[in-house]
Amino acid sequence: MSSRTDYFNDPAAPKANSIVPAVTAFVVNNEGAVLMEQRSDNGRWGMPGGVQEVGEDIAGTVVREVLEETGIHVEVVGLVGIFTDPGHVIAFADGEVRQEFSLCFRAQPIGGKIKVSSESFAVRWISKTELDSLNISPTTRRRLDEGFRNAKVPVIS
């Protein structure tokens, strides 16, 4: 059983009891491939990310989470968007039910070597054309699409 269940506009979803600032990182290499991980909590492919910790700024959260989860050092270079869809609810095994609140940042790799962490089954660079063949949540897919769209103005939703 997974330790996390995502609900997308599901009337049977449990009611959210928290909102937590979290980040995802849209990291693209020189070949145009995006850094993705197959998450160990739900088996889906997603961008690296996680929750902000007390005492760190949000760009520091991005850098820390990407390094912890993938082994890649990054530099934050922009904002893809802010995603706060109340229809996306995440239920955790401990009883927390979180409404989505994700800041998706654009980051570029500056070093490191890919490694798998306890939060993932696999980590790799994935070409844009390969994304359709992977199990990716609708909200992650939206962030990826917005990241590749490369708009000058971040999405706020």
N, C-alpha and C. Protein backbone atom coordinates (compact mmCIF):
# COMPACT_ATOMS: atom_id res chain seq x y z
N MET A 1 0.84 -1.19 0.00
CA MET A 1 0.00 0.00 0.00
C MET A 1 0.88 1.25 0.00
N SER A 2 0.48 2.25 -0.78
CA SER A 2 1.26 3.48 -0.82
C SER A 2 1.00 4.32 0.42
N SER A 3 1.95 5.19 0.74
CA SER A 3 1.80 6.06 1.90
C SER A 3 1.14 7.38 1.51
N ARG A 4 0.76 7.48 0.23
CA ARG A 4 0.17 8.71 -0.29
C ARG A 4 -0.86 8.35 -1.35
N THR A 5 -2.03 9.00 -1.29
CA THR A 5 -3.05 8.81 -2.31
C THR A 5 -3.47 10.18 -2.81
N ASP A 6 -3.37 10.39 -4.12
CA ASP A 6 -3.78 11.65 -4.73
C ASP A 6 -5.19 11.53 -5.27
N TYR A 7 -5.99 12.57 -5.04
CA TYR A 7 -7.35 12.64 -5.56
C TYR A 7 -7.44 13.86 -6.46
N PHE A 8 -8.07 13.70 -7.62
CA PHE A 8 -8.20 14.78 -8.58
C PHE A 8 -9.67 15.01 -8.89
N ASN A 9 -10.23 16.07 -8.34
CA ASN A 9 -11.64 16.41 -8.56
C ASN A 9 -12.55 15.21 -8.30
N ASP A 10 -12.27 14.51 -7.22
CA ASP A 10 -13.00 13.29 -6.84
C ASP A 10 -13.96 13.62 -5.71
N PRO A 11 -15.27 13.50 -5.93
CA PRO A 11 -16.22 13.81 -4.86
C PRO A 11 -16.08 12.89 -3.64
N ALA A 12 -15.43 11.73 -3.81
CA ALA A 12 -15.22 10.82 -2.69
C ALA A 12 -13.92 11.12 -1.93
N ALA A 13 -13.20 12.14 -2.35
CA ALA A 13 -11.93 12.48 -1.67
C ALA A 13 -12.19 12.93 -0.25
N PRO A 14 -11.28 12.60 0.67
CA PRO A 14 -11.42 13.12 2.03
C PRO A 14 -11.25 14.64 2.04
N LYS A 15 -11.79 15.28 3.04
CA LYS A 15 -11.70 16.74 3.17
C LYS A 15 -10.29 17.13 3.63
N ALA A 16 -9.73 18.12 2.97
CA ALA A 16 -8.39 18.59 3.33
C ALA A 16 -8.38 19.15 4.75
N ASN A 17 -7.27 18.87 5.47
CA ASN A 17 -7.11 19.41 6.82
C ASN A 17 -5.82 20.20 6.95
N SER A 18 -5.09 20.41 5.82
CA SER A 18 -3.88 21.22 5.88
C SER A 18 -3.51 21.75 4.50
N ILE A 19 -2.75 22.82 4.52
CA ILE A 19 -2.10 23.37 3.32
C ILE A 19 -0.66 23.61 3.73
N VAL A 20 0.28 23.07 2.95
CA VAL A 20 1.70 23.15 3.29
C VAL A 20 2.47 23.69 2.08
N PRO A 21 3.28 24.74 2.26
CA PRO A 21 4.08 25.23 1.14
C PRO A 21 5.06 24.15 0.67
N ALA A 22 4.96 23.84 -0.62
CA ALA A 22 5.84 22.82 -1.21
C ALA A 22 6.37 23.32 -2.54
N VAL A 23 7.46 22.72 -2.99
CA VAL A 23 8.07 23.09 -4.26
C VAL A 23 8.21 21.87 -5.15
N THR A 24 8.22 22.12 -6.45
CA THR A 24 8.69 21.14 -7.41
C THR A 24 9.69 21.87 -8.29
N ALA A 25 10.59 21.10 -8.87
CA ALA A 25 11.65 21.70 -9.69
C ALA A 25 11.56 21.18 -11.11
N PHE A 26 11.39 22.10 -12.05
CA PHE A 26 11.42 21.79 -13.47
C PHE A 26 12.85 22.02 -13.92
N VAL A 27 13.62 20.92 -13.99
CA VAL A 27 15.05 20.97 -14.29
C VAL A 27 15.26 20.33 -15.66
N VAL A 28 15.79 21.11 -16.61
CA VAL A 28 16.03 20.62 -17.95
C VAL A 28 17.52 20.71 -18.25
N ASN A 29 18.07 19.64 -18.83
CA ASN A 29 19.50 19.64 -19.16
C ASN A 29 19.74 20.22 -20.56
N ASN A 30 20.99 20.25 -20.98
CA ASN A 30 21.35 20.83 -22.28
C ASN A 30 20.75 20.09 -23.46
N GLU A 31 20.35 18.84 -23.27
CA GLU A 31 19.74 18.06 -24.34
C GLU A 31 18.22 18.22 -24.39
N GLY A 32 17.67 19.00 -23.45
CA GLY A 32 16.23 19.23 -23.41
C GLY A 32 15.45 18.21 -22.62
N ALA A 33 16.13 17.31 -21.92
CA ALA A 33 15.46 16.29 -21.10
C ALA A 33 15.19 16.85 -19.70
N VAL A 34 14.10 16.43 -19.11
CA VAL A 34 13.70 16.91 -17.79
C VAL A 34 14.07 15.88 -16.72
N LEU A 35 14.48 16.35 -15.56
CA LEU A 35 14.85 15.49 -14.45
C LEU A 35 13.59 14.99 -13.76
N MET A 36 13.43 13.66 -13.71
CA MET A 36 12.23 13.06 -13.11
C MET A 36 12.63 11.93 -12.18
N GLU A 37 11.73 11.65 -11.25
CA GLU A 37 11.94 10.52 -10.35
C GLU A 37 10.65 9.71 -10.26
N GLN A 38 10.81 8.40 -10.16
CA GLN A 38 9.67 7.54 -9.89
C GLN A 38 9.53 7.46 -8.38
N ARG A 39 8.48 8.06 -7.87
CA ARG A 39 8.30 8.22 -6.43
C ARG A 39 8.03 6.88 -5.72
N SER A 40 8.63 6.72 -4.56
CA SER A 40 8.42 5.48 -3.81
C SER A 40 7.12 5.51 -3.01
N ASP A 41 6.50 6.69 -2.83
CA ASP A 41 5.27 6.76 -2.04
C ASP A 41 4.01 6.47 -2.85
N ASN A 42 4.09 6.58 -4.19
CA ASN A 42 2.90 6.27 -5.00
C ASN A 42 3.23 5.61 -6.34
N GLY A 43 4.52 5.43 -6.66
CA GLY A 43 4.93 4.76 -7.88
C GLY A 43 4.88 5.60 -9.14
N ARG A 44 4.34 6.80 -9.05
CA ARG A 44 4.23 7.68 -10.22
C ARG A 44 5.53 8.44 -10.45
N TRP A 45 5.70 8.91 -11.70
CA TRP A 45 6.83 9.75 -12.05
C TRP A 45 6.49 11.19 -11.75
N GLY A 46 7.44 11.91 -11.16
CA GLY A 46 7.23 13.32 -10.86
C GLY A 46 8.53 14.08 -10.86
N MET A 47 8.40 15.37 -10.74
CA MET A 47 9.57 16.22 -10.62
C MET A 47 10.02 16.20 -9.17
N PRO A 48 11.31 16.35 -8.91
CA PRO A 48 11.76 16.39 -7.52
C PRO A 48 11.16 17.60 -6.80
N GLY A 49 10.98 17.43 -5.51
CA GLY A 49 10.43 18.53 -4.72
C GLY A 49 10.06 18.08 -3.33
N GLY A 50 9.51 19.01 -2.57
CA GLY A 50 9.10 18.69 -1.20
C GLY A 50 8.72 19.95 -0.46
N VAL A 51 8.56 19.81 0.85
CA VAL A 51 8.05 20.92 1.67
C VAL A 51 9.19 21.81 2.18
N GLN A 52 8.85 23.07 2.33
CA GLN A 52 9.78 24.04 2.88
C GLN A 52 9.96 23.77 4.37
N GLU A 53 11.20 23.87 4.84
CA GLU A 53 11.50 23.69 6.26
C GLU A 53 11.70 25.04 6.93
N VAL A 54 11.40 25.10 8.21
CA VAL A 54 11.61 26.32 8.99
C VAL A 54 13.07 26.72 8.89
N GLY A 55 13.32 28.00 8.64
CA GLY A 55 14.67 28.52 8.59
C GLY A 55 15.29 28.56 7.21
N GLU A 56 14.57 28.07 6.18
CA GLU A 56 15.14 28.14 4.83
C GLU A 56 14.25 29.00 3.94
N ASP A 57 14.89 29.64 2.96
CA ASP A 57 14.10 30.38 1.98
C ASP A 57 13.65 29.40 0.90
N ILE A 58 12.68 29.81 0.09
CA ILE A 58 12.05 28.88 -0.84
C ILE A 58 13.01 28.39 -1.93
N ALA A 59 13.92 29.24 -2.39
CA ALA A 59 14.91 28.77 -3.38
C ALA A 59 15.83 27.73 -2.75
N GLY A 60 16.15 27.91 -1.49
CA GLY A 60 16.95 26.92 -0.77
C GLY A 60 16.23 25.59 -0.65
N THR A 61 14.90 25.64 -0.52
CA THR A 61 14.11 24.40 -0.48
C THR A 61 14.26 23.64 -1.79
N VAL A 62 14.19 24.36 -2.91
CA VAL A 62 14.33 23.73 -4.22
C VAL A 62 15.70 23.06 -4.33
N VAL A 63 16.75 23.79 -4.02
CA VAL A 63 18.12 23.28 -4.14
C VAL A 63 18.30 22.04 -3.25
N ARG A 64 17.84 22.13 -2.00
CA ARG A 64 17.99 21.01 -1.06
C ARG A 64 17.21 19.78 -1.52
N GLU A 65 15.96 19.97 -1.88
CA GLU A 65 15.12 18.83 -2.26
C GLU A 65 15.65 18.12 -3.52
N VAL A 66 16.05 18.90 -4.53
CA VAL A 66 16.57 18.28 -5.75
C VAL A 66 17.84 17.48 -5.44
N LEU A 67 18.74 18.06 -4.65
CA LEU A 67 19.97 17.36 -4.30
C LEU A 67 19.68 16.10 -3.49
N GLU A 68 18.81 16.20 -2.47
CA GLU A 68 18.48 15.04 -1.63
C GLU A 68 17.84 13.91 -2.44
N GLU A 69 16.95 14.27 -3.36
CA GLU A 69 16.18 13.25 -4.06
C GLU A 69 16.84 12.71 -5.32
N THR A 70 17.77 13.50 -5.91
CA THR A 70 18.31 13.09 -7.21
C THR A 70 19.83 13.09 -7.30
N GLY A 71 20.52 13.76 -6.37
CA GLY A 71 21.97 13.88 -6.45
C GLY A 71 22.45 15.00 -7.35
N ILE A 72 21.52 15.74 -7.95
CA ILE A 72 21.87 16.81 -8.88
C ILE A 72 21.84 18.17 -8.16
N HIS A 73 22.91 18.94 -8.33
CA HIS A 73 22.97 20.31 -7.81
C HIS A 73 22.32 21.23 -8.84
N VAL A 74 21.45 22.13 -8.36
CA VAL A 74 20.76 23.04 -9.28
C VAL A 74 20.85 24.48 -8.80
N GLU A 75 20.57 25.36 -9.73
CA GLU A 75 20.44 26.78 -9.45
C GLU A 75 19.04 27.18 -9.90
N VAL A 76 18.29 27.87 -9.03
CA VAL A 76 16.95 28.33 -9.37
C VAL A 76 17.08 29.54 -10.30
N VAL A 77 16.35 29.48 -11.44
CA VAL A 77 16.46 30.56 -12.43
C VAL A 77 15.12 31.20 -12.77
N GLY A 78 14.03 30.69 -12.21
CA GLY A 78 12.74 31.29 -12.51
C GLY A 78 11.59 30.52 -11.86
N LEU A 79 10.40 31.01 -12.14
CA LEU A 79 9.18 30.41 -11.60
C LEU A 79 8.29 29.97 -12.75
N VAL A 80 7.95 28.69 -12.79
CA VAL A 80 7.01 28.18 -13.79
C VAL A 80 5.60 28.59 -13.40
N GLY A 81 5.28 28.43 -12.10
CA GLY A 81 3.94 28.81 -11.66
C GLY A 81 3.64 28.42 -10.23
N ILE A 82 2.48 28.85 -9.79
CA ILE A 82 1.96 28.54 -8.45
C ILE A 82 0.68 27.74 -8.67
N PHE A 83 0.63 26.56 -8.10
CA PHE A 83 -0.47 25.63 -8.35
C PHE A 83 -1.17 25.30 -7.03
N THR A 84 -2.43 25.73 -6.90
CA THR A 84 -3.15 25.60 -5.63
C THR A 84 -4.55 25.03 -5.83
N ASP A 85 -4.70 24.10 -6.73
CA ASP A 85 -6.00 23.54 -7.08
C ASP A 85 -6.65 22.84 -5.88
N PRO A 86 -7.79 23.36 -5.37
CA PRO A 86 -8.45 22.69 -4.24
C PRO A 86 -9.03 21.33 -4.63
N GLY A 87 -9.11 21.05 -5.93
CA GLY A 87 -9.57 19.75 -6.39
C GLY A 87 -8.50 18.67 -6.32
N HIS A 88 -7.25 19.08 -6.06
CA HIS A 88 -6.17 18.11 -5.88
C HIS A 88 -5.91 17.98 -4.39
N VAL A 89 -6.29 16.84 -3.86
CA VAL A 89 -6.15 16.56 -2.43
C VAL A 89 -5.23 15.34 -2.29
N ILE A 90 -4.31 15.43 -1.35
CA ILE A 90 -3.34 14.36 -1.12
C ILE A 90 -3.55 13.81 0.29
N ALA A 91 -3.89 12.53 0.37
CA ALA A 91 -4.11 11.88 1.67
C ALA A 91 -2.87 11.05 2.01
N PHE A 92 -2.36 11.26 3.21
CA PHE A 92 -1.19 10.54 3.68
C PHE A 92 -1.60 9.49 4.71
N ALA A 93 -0.78 8.47 4.86
CA ALA A 93 -1.08 7.36 5.76
C ALA A 93 -1.25 7.79 7.21
N ASP A 94 -0.63 8.93 7.59
CA ASP A 94 -0.71 9.39 8.98
C ASP A 94 -1.99 10.19 9.28
N GLY A 95 -2.89 10.33 8.30
CA GLY A 95 -4.15 11.03 8.51
C GLY A 95 -4.16 12.46 7.97
N GLU A 96 -3.00 12.98 7.61
CA GLU A 96 -2.98 14.32 7.02
C GLU A 96 -3.62 14.24 5.64
N VAL A 97 -4.45 15.23 5.34
CA VAL A 97 -5.06 15.36 4.02
C VAL A 97 -4.78 16.79 3.56
N ARG A 98 -3.94 16.90 2.57
CA ARG A 98 -3.39 18.19 2.17
C ARG A 98 -3.99 18.69 0.86
N GLN A 99 -4.39 19.95 0.86
CA GLN A 99 -4.75 20.59 -0.40
C GLN A 99 -3.47 20.99 -1.10
N GLU A 100 -3.43 20.80 -2.43
CA GLU A 100 -2.24 21.16 -3.19
C GLU A 100 -1.87 22.63 -2.99
N PHE A 101 -0.58 22.87 -2.75
CA PHE A 101 0.00 24.22 -2.73
C PHE A 101 1.44 24.04 -3.18
N SER A 102 1.65 24.13 -4.48
CA SER A 102 2.97 23.84 -5.03
C SER A 102 3.50 25.01 -5.85
N LEU A 103 4.69 25.43 -5.51
CA LEU A 103 5.41 26.44 -6.28
C LEU A 103 6.37 25.67 -7.18
N CYS A 104 6.18 25.78 -8.48
CA CYS A 104 7.03 25.05 -9.43
C CYS A 104 8.09 26.00 -9.97
N PHE A 105 9.33 25.70 -9.66
CA PHE A 105 10.45 26.56 -10.04
C PHE A 105 11.21 25.97 -11.22
N ARG A 106 11.71 26.85 -12.06
CA ARG A 106 12.60 26.49 -13.14
C ARG A 106 14.02 26.49 -12.56
N ALA A 107 14.76 25.42 -12.80
CA ALA A 107 16.12 25.32 -12.27
C ALA A 107 17.02 24.71 -13.32
N GLN A 108 18.28 25.06 -13.27
CA GLN A 108 19.23 24.46 -14.20
C GLN A 108 20.26 23.64 -13.43
N PRO A 109 20.65 22.50 -14.00
CA PRO A 109 21.65 21.67 -13.33
C PRO A 109 23.02 22.33 -13.40
N ILE A 110 23.75 22.27 -12.29
CA ILE A 110 25.10 22.86 -12.26
C ILE A 110 26.14 21.85 -11.79
N GLY A 111 25.73 20.63 -11.52
CA GLY A 111 26.68 19.60 -11.11
C GLY A 111 25.99 18.41 -10.49
N GLY A 112 26.80 17.52 -9.94
CA GLY A 112 26.28 16.34 -9.28
C GLY A 112 26.16 15.15 -10.21
N LYS A 113 25.73 14.05 -9.64
CA LYS A 113 25.58 12.79 -10.37
C LYS A 113 24.29 12.14 -9.90
N ILE A 114 23.50 11.64 -10.83
CA ILE A 114 22.20 11.06 -10.48
C ILE A 114 22.36 9.92 -9.49
N LYS A 115 21.51 9.97 -8.44
CA LYS A 115 21.43 8.89 -7.46
C LYS A 115 19.97 8.72 -7.06
N VAL A 116 19.64 7.55 -6.62
CA VAL A 116 18.29 7.26 -6.15
C VAL A 116 18.27 7.42 -4.64
N SER A 117 17.23 8.07 -4.12
CA SER A 117 17.09 8.25 -2.67
C SER A 117 16.01 7.30 -2.15
N SER A 118 15.76 7.35 -0.84
CA SER A 118 14.70 6.53 -0.25
C SER A 118 13.32 6.98 -0.72
N GLU A 119 13.23 8.18 -1.32
CA GLU A 119 11.96 8.71 -1.79
C GLU A 119 11.64 8.32 -3.23
N SER A 120 12.55 7.54 -3.85
CA SER A 120 12.32 7.21 -5.25
C SER A 120 12.79 5.79 -5.59
N PHE A 121 12.14 5.22 -6.61
CA PHE A 121 12.56 3.93 -7.16
C PHE A 121 13.59 4.13 -8.26
N ALA A 122 13.47 5.26 -8.97
CA ALA A 122 14.36 5.55 -10.10
C ALA A 122 14.45 7.05 -10.28
N VAL A 123 15.58 7.51 -10.80
CA VAL A 123 15.79 8.92 -11.14
C VAL A 123 16.49 8.95 -12.48
N ARG A 124 15.99 9.77 -13.40
CA ARG A 124 16.68 9.89 -14.68
C ARG A 124 16.20 11.11 -15.46
N TRP A 125 16.98 11.43 -16.48
CA TRP A 125 16.63 12.49 -17.42
C TRP A 125 15.69 11.87 -18.45
N ILE A 126 14.56 12.52 -18.71
CA ILE A 126 13.55 11.97 -19.60
C ILE A 126 13.24 12.98 -20.70
N SER A 127 13.25 12.51 -21.93
CA SER A 127 12.95 13.39 -23.06
C SER A 127 11.46 13.75 -23.04
N LYS A 128 11.17 14.89 -23.61
CA LYS A 128 9.78 15.37 -23.67
C LYS A 128 8.88 14.35 -24.36
N THR A 129 9.38 13.71 -25.40
CA THR A 129 8.56 12.74 -26.15
C THR A 129 8.28 11.46 -25.35
N GLU A 130 9.13 11.15 -24.39
CA GLU A 130 8.94 9.94 -23.58
C GLU A 130 7.93 10.13 -22.45
N LEU A 131 7.60 11.36 -22.11
CA LEU A 131 6.73 11.64 -20.97
C LEU A 131 5.36 10.98 -21.10
N ASP A 132 4.80 10.93 -22.31
CA ASP A 132 3.46 10.34 -22.50
C ASP A 132 3.41 8.86 -22.15
N SER A 133 4.54 8.18 -22.14
CA SER A 133 4.56 6.74 -21.86
C SER A 133 4.67 6.45 -20.36
N LEU A 134 4.80 7.49 -19.53
CA LEU A 134 5.00 7.30 -18.09
C LEU A 134 3.73 7.55 -17.30
N ASN A 135 3.65 6.94 -16.11
CA ASN A 135 2.55 7.16 -15.19
C ASN A 135 2.82 8.47 -14.44
N ILE A 136 2.17 9.54 -14.89
CA ILE A 136 2.37 10.89 -14.33
C ILE A 136 1.00 11.43 -13.93
N SER A 137 0.90 12.04 -12.74
CA SER A 137 -0.37 12.59 -12.29
C SER A 137 -0.78 13.78 -13.16
N PRO A 138 -2.07 14.07 -13.21
CA PRO A 138 -2.55 15.20 -14.01
C PRO A 138 -1.93 16.54 -13.59
N THR A 139 -1.72 16.74 -12.29
CA THR A 139 -1.16 18.02 -11.85
C THR A 139 0.33 18.12 -12.20
N THR A 140 1.05 17.02 -12.11
CA THR A 140 2.46 17.03 -12.54
C THR A 140 2.53 17.26 -14.05
N ARG A 141 1.65 16.63 -14.79
CA ARG A 141 1.64 16.82 -16.25
C ARG A 141 1.41 18.30 -16.59
N ARG A 142 0.51 18.93 -15.85
CA ARG A 142 0.24 20.35 -16.11
C ARG A 142 1.49 21.19 -15.85
N ARG A 143 2.19 20.92 -14.76
CA ARG A 143 3.42 21.67 -14.45
C ARG A 143 4.48 21.44 -15.52
N LEU A 144 4.61 20.20 -15.99
CA LEU A 144 5.56 19.90 -17.06
C LEU A 144 5.20 20.67 -18.34
N ASP A 145 3.92 20.63 -18.70
CA ASP A 145 3.48 21.34 -19.91
C ASP A 145 3.77 22.83 -19.79
N GLU A 146 3.49 23.41 -18.64
CA GLU A 146 3.76 24.84 -18.43
C GLU A 146 5.26 25.12 -18.46
N GLY A 147 6.05 24.23 -17.89
CA GLY A 147 7.49 24.41 -17.92
C GLY A 147 8.04 24.40 -19.34
N PHE A 148 7.59 23.45 -20.14
CA PHE A 148 8.04 23.37 -21.53
C PHE A 148 7.48 24.51 -22.38
N ARG A 149 6.34 25.05 -21.99
CA ARG A 149 5.76 26.19 -22.72
C ARG A 149 6.66 27.41 -22.60
N ASN A 150 7.36 27.51 -21.46
CA ASN A 150 8.36 28.55 -21.24
C ASN A 150 7.80 29.96 -21.38
N ALA A 151 6.63 30.20 -20.79
CA ALA A 151 6.00 31.51 -20.84
C ALA A 151 6.80 32.52 -20.03
N LYS A 152 6.73 33.76 -20.41
CA LYS A 152 7.45 34.83 -19.69
C LYS A 152 6.81 35.11 -18.34
N VAL A 153 5.50 34.87 -18.24
CA VAL A 153 4.76 35.14 -17.00
C VAL A 153 4.39 33.80 -16.36
N PRO A 154 4.67 33.63 -15.06
CA PRO A 154 4.32 32.37 -14.39
C PRO A 154 2.80 32.16 -14.33
N VAL A 155 2.39 30.92 -14.33
CA VAL A 155 0.99 30.55 -14.15
C VAL A 155 0.63 30.71 -12.68
N ILE A 156 -0.54 31.24 -12.42
CA ILE A 156 -1.04 31.32 -11.05
C ILE A 156 -2.43 30.71 -11.06
N SER A 157 -2.55 29.54 -10.43
CA SER A 157 -3.87 28.88 -10.41
C SER A 157 -4.09 28.16 -9.10
